[in-house]
Each structure stands twice: as C-alpha cells, then as structure tokens.
Amino acid sequence: MLVLSRHCEEAIMIGDDVEIVIVDIRGDKVRLGVNAPARVAVHRKEIYESIREENAQAASLRGVLGSLPGGPSMAHQRAAAIASIAAARISA
C-alpha cells in the first residue's frame, strides 16, 4: 500500500483520469473529492462490497433460472419479462 501525506486542497492523481482532492480535515475525518470520468465507478468501500454481493446473488439466481424446465433460453425470456414488468411498475 502506498501511503501519502497531503494537506487540505492538495491532490493525488491515479493514472491520467482520476484526481483525489483533500477537501476538508476535521478531527479524525477527512473529506475527499473525486474527479473521475463517468466510465469510472467510484463508491465508498461498504457500498462497493454491497454491490458485489448483490451481483453474486443475481448470478446465482441466473443459475437457478437456467435449471428450470425450458432451459436457459426460456429462463432468459422469463427473467426479461420479470424485469419488464418491474420497470413498468416503477415508471407508473
């Protein structure tokens, strides 16, 4: 792990596209600003771990759907239909 010291309003670059700026320091909390292109996902670690867990659960659900009668293609159609119904309910 690389450990760097920075003062308020100083920055750290990650590659050519990601800039981390020290915005504020209050007591034991440091506020960071992240400038990154939209294609780069930026999350707090606990949110990132939650997303990974949800993705793993969704992947295992796809495996269950694939084992249903009608095979994977039928399961894919069912999953698409469920997603379409859910999207319609959200937009209503």
N, C-alpha and C. Protein backbone atom coordinates (compact mmCIF):
# COMPACT_ATOMS: atom_id res chain seq x y z
N MET A 1 0.85 -1.17 0.00
CA MET A 1 0.00 0.00 0.00
C MET A 1 0.90 1.24 0.00
N LEU A 2 0.60 2.14 -0.87
CA LEU A 2 1.31 3.43 -0.91
C LEU A 2 0.63 4.38 0.06
N VAL A 3 1.38 4.99 0.94
CA VAL A 3 0.85 5.95 1.91
C VAL A 3 1.42 7.32 1.58
N LEU A 4 0.53 8.29 1.38
CA LEU A 4 0.93 9.65 1.02
C LEU A 4 0.39 10.64 2.04
N SER A 5 1.13 11.70 2.26
CA SER A 5 0.66 12.79 3.12
C SER A 5 0.25 13.95 2.22
N ARG A 6 -0.88 14.55 2.52
CA ARG A 6 -1.38 15.68 1.76
C ARG A 6 -2.00 16.68 2.72
N HIS A 7 -1.97 17.93 2.35
CA HIS A 7 -2.66 18.98 3.10
C HIS A 7 -3.97 19.29 2.40
N CYS A 8 -4.79 20.05 3.10
CA CYS A 8 -6.08 20.45 2.53
C CYS A 8 -5.87 21.15 1.18
N GLU A 9 -6.73 20.83 0.23
CA GLU A 9 -6.73 21.36 -1.14
C GLU A 9 -5.60 20.81 -2.01
N GLU A 10 -4.83 19.86 -1.50
CA GLU A 10 -3.83 19.18 -2.33
C GLU A 10 -4.47 17.94 -2.93
N ALA A 11 -3.86 17.41 -3.98
CA ALA A 11 -4.48 16.31 -4.72
C ALA A 11 -3.52 15.16 -4.94
N ILE A 12 -4.09 14.04 -5.30
CA ILE A 12 -3.37 12.83 -5.70
C ILE A 12 -3.96 12.40 -7.03
N MET A 13 -3.13 12.05 -7.98
CA MET A 13 -3.60 11.57 -9.29
C MET A 13 -3.47 10.05 -9.34
N ILE A 14 -4.48 9.40 -9.88
CA ILE A 14 -4.44 7.96 -10.14
C ILE A 14 -4.57 7.81 -11.65
N GLY A 15 -3.49 7.40 -12.28
CA GLY A 15 -3.47 7.36 -13.74
C GLY A 15 -3.58 8.78 -14.28
N ASP A 16 -4.13 8.89 -15.49
CA ASP A 16 -4.29 10.21 -16.12
C ASP A 16 -5.66 10.82 -15.88
N ASP A 17 -6.61 9.99 -15.40
CA ASP A 17 -8.01 10.41 -15.39
C ASP A 17 -8.63 10.66 -14.02
N VAL A 18 -8.03 10.14 -12.96
CA VAL A 18 -8.68 10.20 -11.64
C VAL A 18 -7.86 11.09 -10.70
N GLU A 19 -8.54 12.09 -10.15
CA GLU A 19 -7.91 13.01 -9.21
C GLU A 19 -8.65 12.93 -7.87
N ILE A 20 -7.89 12.73 -6.80
CA ILE A 20 -8.43 12.71 -5.44
C ILE A 20 -7.95 13.99 -4.77
N VAL A 21 -8.89 14.81 -4.30
CA VAL A 21 -8.55 16.10 -3.68
C VAL A 21 -8.93 16.05 -2.20
N ILE A 22 -8.05 16.52 -1.33
CA ILE A 22 -8.38 16.66 0.09
C ILE A 22 -9.21 17.94 0.21
N VAL A 23 -10.48 17.80 0.51
CA VAL A 23 -11.40 18.93 0.56
C VAL A 23 -11.41 19.57 1.94
N ASP A 24 -11.40 18.73 2.99
CA ASP A 24 -11.51 19.26 4.35
C ASP A 24 -10.97 18.23 5.33
N ILE A 25 -10.43 18.70 6.43
CA ILE A 25 -9.96 17.83 7.51
C ILE A 25 -10.53 18.38 8.80
N ARG A 26 -11.35 17.57 9.47
CA ARG A 26 -11.96 17.97 10.75
C ARG A 26 -11.81 16.83 11.74
N GLY A 27 -10.98 17.03 12.73
CA GLY A 27 -10.76 15.98 13.72
C GLY A 27 -10.19 14.74 13.06
N ASP A 28 -10.91 13.62 13.23
CA ASP A 28 -10.44 12.36 12.66
C ASP A 28 -11.09 12.04 11.32
N LYS A 29 -11.76 13.02 10.71
CA LYS A 29 -12.41 12.81 9.41
C LYS A 29 -11.75 13.63 8.32
N VAL A 30 -11.56 13.00 7.19
CA VAL A 30 -11.01 13.65 6.02
C VAL A 30 -12.06 13.60 4.93
N ARG A 31 -12.39 14.74 4.35
CA ARG A 31 -13.35 14.78 3.23
C ARG A 31 -12.55 14.79 1.93
N LEU A 32 -12.90 13.86 1.06
CA LEU A 32 -12.22 13.71 -0.23
C LEU A 32 -13.15 14.09 -1.36
N GLY A 33 -12.59 14.72 -2.36
CA GLY A 33 -13.32 14.95 -3.61
C GLY A 33 -12.69 14.07 -4.67
N VAL A 34 -13.54 13.47 -5.51
CA VAL A 34 -13.05 12.58 -6.56
C VAL A 34 -13.49 13.13 -7.90
N ASN A 35 -12.52 13.44 -8.75
CA ASN A 35 -12.80 13.83 -10.13
C ASN A 35 -12.41 12.65 -11.01
N ALA A 36 -13.42 12.05 -11.66
CA ALA A 36 -13.16 10.89 -12.50
C ALA A 36 -14.15 10.89 -13.65
N PRO A 37 -13.76 10.30 -14.79
CA PRO A 37 -14.70 10.21 -15.91
C PRO A 37 -15.91 9.35 -15.53
N ALA A 38 -17.02 9.57 -16.20
CA ALA A 38 -18.25 8.83 -15.91
C ALA A 38 -18.07 7.32 -16.06
N ARG A 39 -17.14 6.90 -16.90
CA ARG A 39 -16.94 5.46 -17.12
C ARG A 39 -16.25 4.78 -15.93
N VAL A 40 -15.74 5.57 -14.98
CA VAL A 40 -15.07 5.03 -13.81
C VAL A 40 -16.05 5.06 -12.64
N ALA A 41 -16.39 3.89 -12.12
CA ALA A 41 -17.30 3.80 -10.97
C ALA A 41 -16.53 4.18 -9.71
N VAL A 42 -17.11 5.07 -8.90
CA VAL A 42 -16.49 5.48 -7.65
C VAL A 42 -17.51 5.26 -6.54
N HIS A 43 -17.15 4.42 -5.56
CA HIS A 43 -18.04 4.09 -4.45
C HIS A 43 -17.25 4.05 -3.16
N ARG A 44 -17.92 4.31 -2.04
CA ARG A 44 -17.33 4.01 -0.74
C ARG A 44 -17.18 2.49 -0.67
N LYS A 45 -16.20 2.00 0.07
CA LYS A 45 -15.93 0.57 0.07
C LYS A 45 -17.13 -0.26 0.51
N GLU A 46 -17.86 0.20 1.54
CA GLU A 46 -19.01 -0.59 2.01
C GLU A 46 -20.10 -0.68 0.95
N ILE A 47 -20.26 0.37 0.14
CA ILE A 47 -21.23 0.33 -0.95
C ILE A 47 -20.75 -0.61 -2.05
N TYR A 48 -19.46 -0.54 -2.37
CA TYR A 48 -18.86 -1.42 -3.37
C TYR A 48 -19.06 -2.88 -2.99
N GLU A 49 -18.81 -3.22 -1.72
CA GLU A 49 -18.99 -4.60 -1.27
C GLU A 49 -20.44 -5.04 -1.35
N SER A 50 -21.36 -4.14 -1.03
CA SER A 50 -22.79 -4.44 -1.14
C SER A 50 -23.18 -4.72 -2.60
N ILE A 51 -22.67 -3.92 -3.52
CA ILE A 51 -22.95 -4.12 -4.95
C ILE A 51 -22.41 -5.48 -5.40
N ARG A 52 -21.19 -5.82 -4.99
CA ARG A 52 -20.60 -7.11 -5.36
C ARG A 52 -21.44 -8.26 -4.84
N GLU A 53 -21.92 -8.13 -3.59
CA GLU A 53 -22.76 -9.19 -3.00
C GLU A 53 -24.06 -9.35 -3.77
N GLU A 54 -24.70 -8.23 -4.12
CA GLU A 54 -25.94 -8.29 -4.89
C GLU A 54 -25.71 -8.90 -6.26
N ASN A 55 -24.58 -8.56 -6.90
CA ASN A 55 -24.27 -9.14 -8.20
C ASN A 55 -24.05 -10.65 -8.10
N ALA A 56 -23.40 -11.10 -7.03
CA ALA A 56 -23.18 -12.53 -6.83
C ALA A 56 -24.51 -13.24 -6.64
N GLN A 57 -25.42 -12.63 -5.88
CA GLN A 57 -26.75 -13.23 -5.69
C GLN A 57 -27.51 -13.29 -7.00
N ALA A 58 -27.42 -12.24 -7.80
CA ALA A 58 -28.11 -12.23 -9.09
C ALA A 58 -27.54 -13.29 -10.01
N ALA A 59 -26.22 -13.48 -9.98
CA ALA A 59 -25.60 -14.51 -10.81
C ALA A 59 -26.06 -15.90 -10.39
N SER A 60 -26.20 -16.13 -9.09
CA SER A 60 -26.67 -17.44 -8.64
C SER A 60 -28.13 -17.63 -9.00
N LEU A 61 -28.91 -16.54 -9.02
CA LEU A 61 -30.31 -16.64 -9.43
C LEU A 61 -30.41 -17.00 -10.90
N ARG A 62 -29.51 -16.44 -11.72
CA ARG A 62 -29.49 -16.81 -13.14
C ARG A 62 -29.23 -18.30 -13.30
N GLY A 63 -28.36 -18.87 -12.45
CA GLY A 63 -28.10 -20.30 -12.50
C GLY A 63 -29.33 -21.10 -12.16
N VAL A 64 -30.11 -20.64 -11.18
CA VAL A 64 -31.35 -21.33 -10.79
C VAL A 64 -32.36 -21.25 -11.93
N LEU A 65 -32.50 -20.07 -12.53
CA LEU A 65 -33.44 -19.92 -13.64
C LEU A 65 -33.06 -20.82 -14.82
N GLY A 66 -31.75 -20.97 -15.04
CA GLY A 66 -31.29 -21.81 -16.14
C GLY A 66 -31.61 -23.27 -15.94
N SER A 67 -31.78 -23.71 -14.69
CA SER A 67 -32.08 -25.11 -14.43
C SER A 67 -33.58 -25.41 -14.47
N LEU A 68 -34.41 -24.40 -14.66
CA LEU A 68 -35.85 -24.61 -14.75
C LEU A 68 -36.22 -25.27 -16.07
N PRO A 69 -37.38 -25.96 -16.13
CA PRO A 69 -37.81 -26.57 -17.39
C PRO A 69 -37.87 -25.52 -18.50
N GLY A 70 -37.41 -25.88 -19.66
CA GLY A 70 -37.39 -24.94 -20.78
C GLY A 70 -35.98 -24.47 -21.07
N GLY A 71 -35.03 -24.79 -20.19
CA GLY A 71 -33.63 -24.48 -20.44
C GLY A 71 -33.28 -23.03 -20.26
N PRO A 72 -32.03 -22.70 -20.49
CA PRO A 72 -31.54 -21.34 -20.27
C PRO A 72 -32.24 -20.28 -21.11
N SER A 73 -32.56 -20.60 -22.37
CA SER A 73 -33.18 -19.58 -23.22
C SER A 73 -34.57 -19.21 -22.68
N MET A 74 -35.30 -20.21 -22.21
CA MET A 74 -36.62 -19.94 -21.63
C MET A 74 -36.47 -19.15 -20.33
N ALA A 75 -35.45 -19.51 -19.53
CA ALA A 75 -35.21 -18.79 -18.28
C ALA A 75 -34.84 -17.34 -18.58
N HIS A 76 -34.06 -17.12 -19.62
CA HIS A 76 -33.68 -15.76 -20.00
C HIS A 76 -34.92 -14.96 -20.40
N GLN A 77 -35.84 -15.59 -21.12
CA GLN A 77 -37.07 -14.91 -21.51
C GLN A 77 -37.92 -14.57 -20.28
N ARG A 78 -37.98 -15.51 -19.32
CA ARG A 78 -38.73 -15.25 -18.09
C ARG A 78 -38.11 -14.09 -17.32
N ALA A 79 -36.79 -14.08 -17.19
CA ALA A 79 -36.10 -13.01 -16.47
C ALA A 79 -36.34 -11.67 -17.15
N ALA A 80 -36.32 -11.63 -18.48
CA ALA A 80 -36.56 -10.39 -19.22
C ALA A 80 -37.99 -9.92 -19.00
N ALA A 81 -38.93 -10.85 -18.98
CA ALA A 81 -40.33 -10.49 -18.74
C ALA A 81 -40.52 -9.92 -17.34
N ILE A 82 -39.88 -10.53 -16.36
CA ILE A 82 -39.97 -10.04 -14.97
C ILE A 82 -39.38 -8.64 -14.88
N ALA A 83 -38.22 -8.42 -15.52
CA ALA A 83 -37.58 -7.10 -15.49
C ALA A 83 -38.47 -6.06 -16.17
N SER A 84 -39.12 -6.44 -17.26
CA SER A 84 -40.01 -5.53 -17.96
C SER A 84 -41.22 -5.14 -17.09
N ILE A 85 -41.78 -6.10 -16.42
CA ILE A 85 -42.92 -5.82 -15.53
C ILE A 85 -42.48 -4.91 -14.39
N ALA A 86 -41.31 -5.18 -13.80
CA ALA A 86 -40.80 -4.36 -12.72
C ALA A 86 -40.56 -2.92 -13.19
N ALA A 87 -39.99 -2.77 -14.38
CA ALA A 87 -39.74 -1.43 -14.91
C ALA A 87 -41.03 -0.67 -15.17
N ALA A 88 -42.05 -1.38 -15.64
CA ALA A 88 -43.35 -0.75 -15.89
C ALA A 88 -43.98 -0.27 -14.58
N ARG A 89 -43.83 -1.07 -13.52
CA ARG A 89 -44.38 -0.67 -12.22
C ARG A 89 -43.65 0.54 -11.66
N ILE A 90 -42.34 0.60 -11.85
CA ILE A 90 -41.56 1.72 -11.34
C ILE A 90 -41.93 3.01 -12.06
N SER A 91 -42.13 2.92 -13.38
CA SER A 91 -42.43 4.15 -14.14
C SER A 91 -43.88 4.59 -13.99
N ALA A 92 -44.72 3.74 -13.45
CA ALA A 92 -46.14 4.08 -13.29
C ALA A 92 -46.38 4.98 -12.11
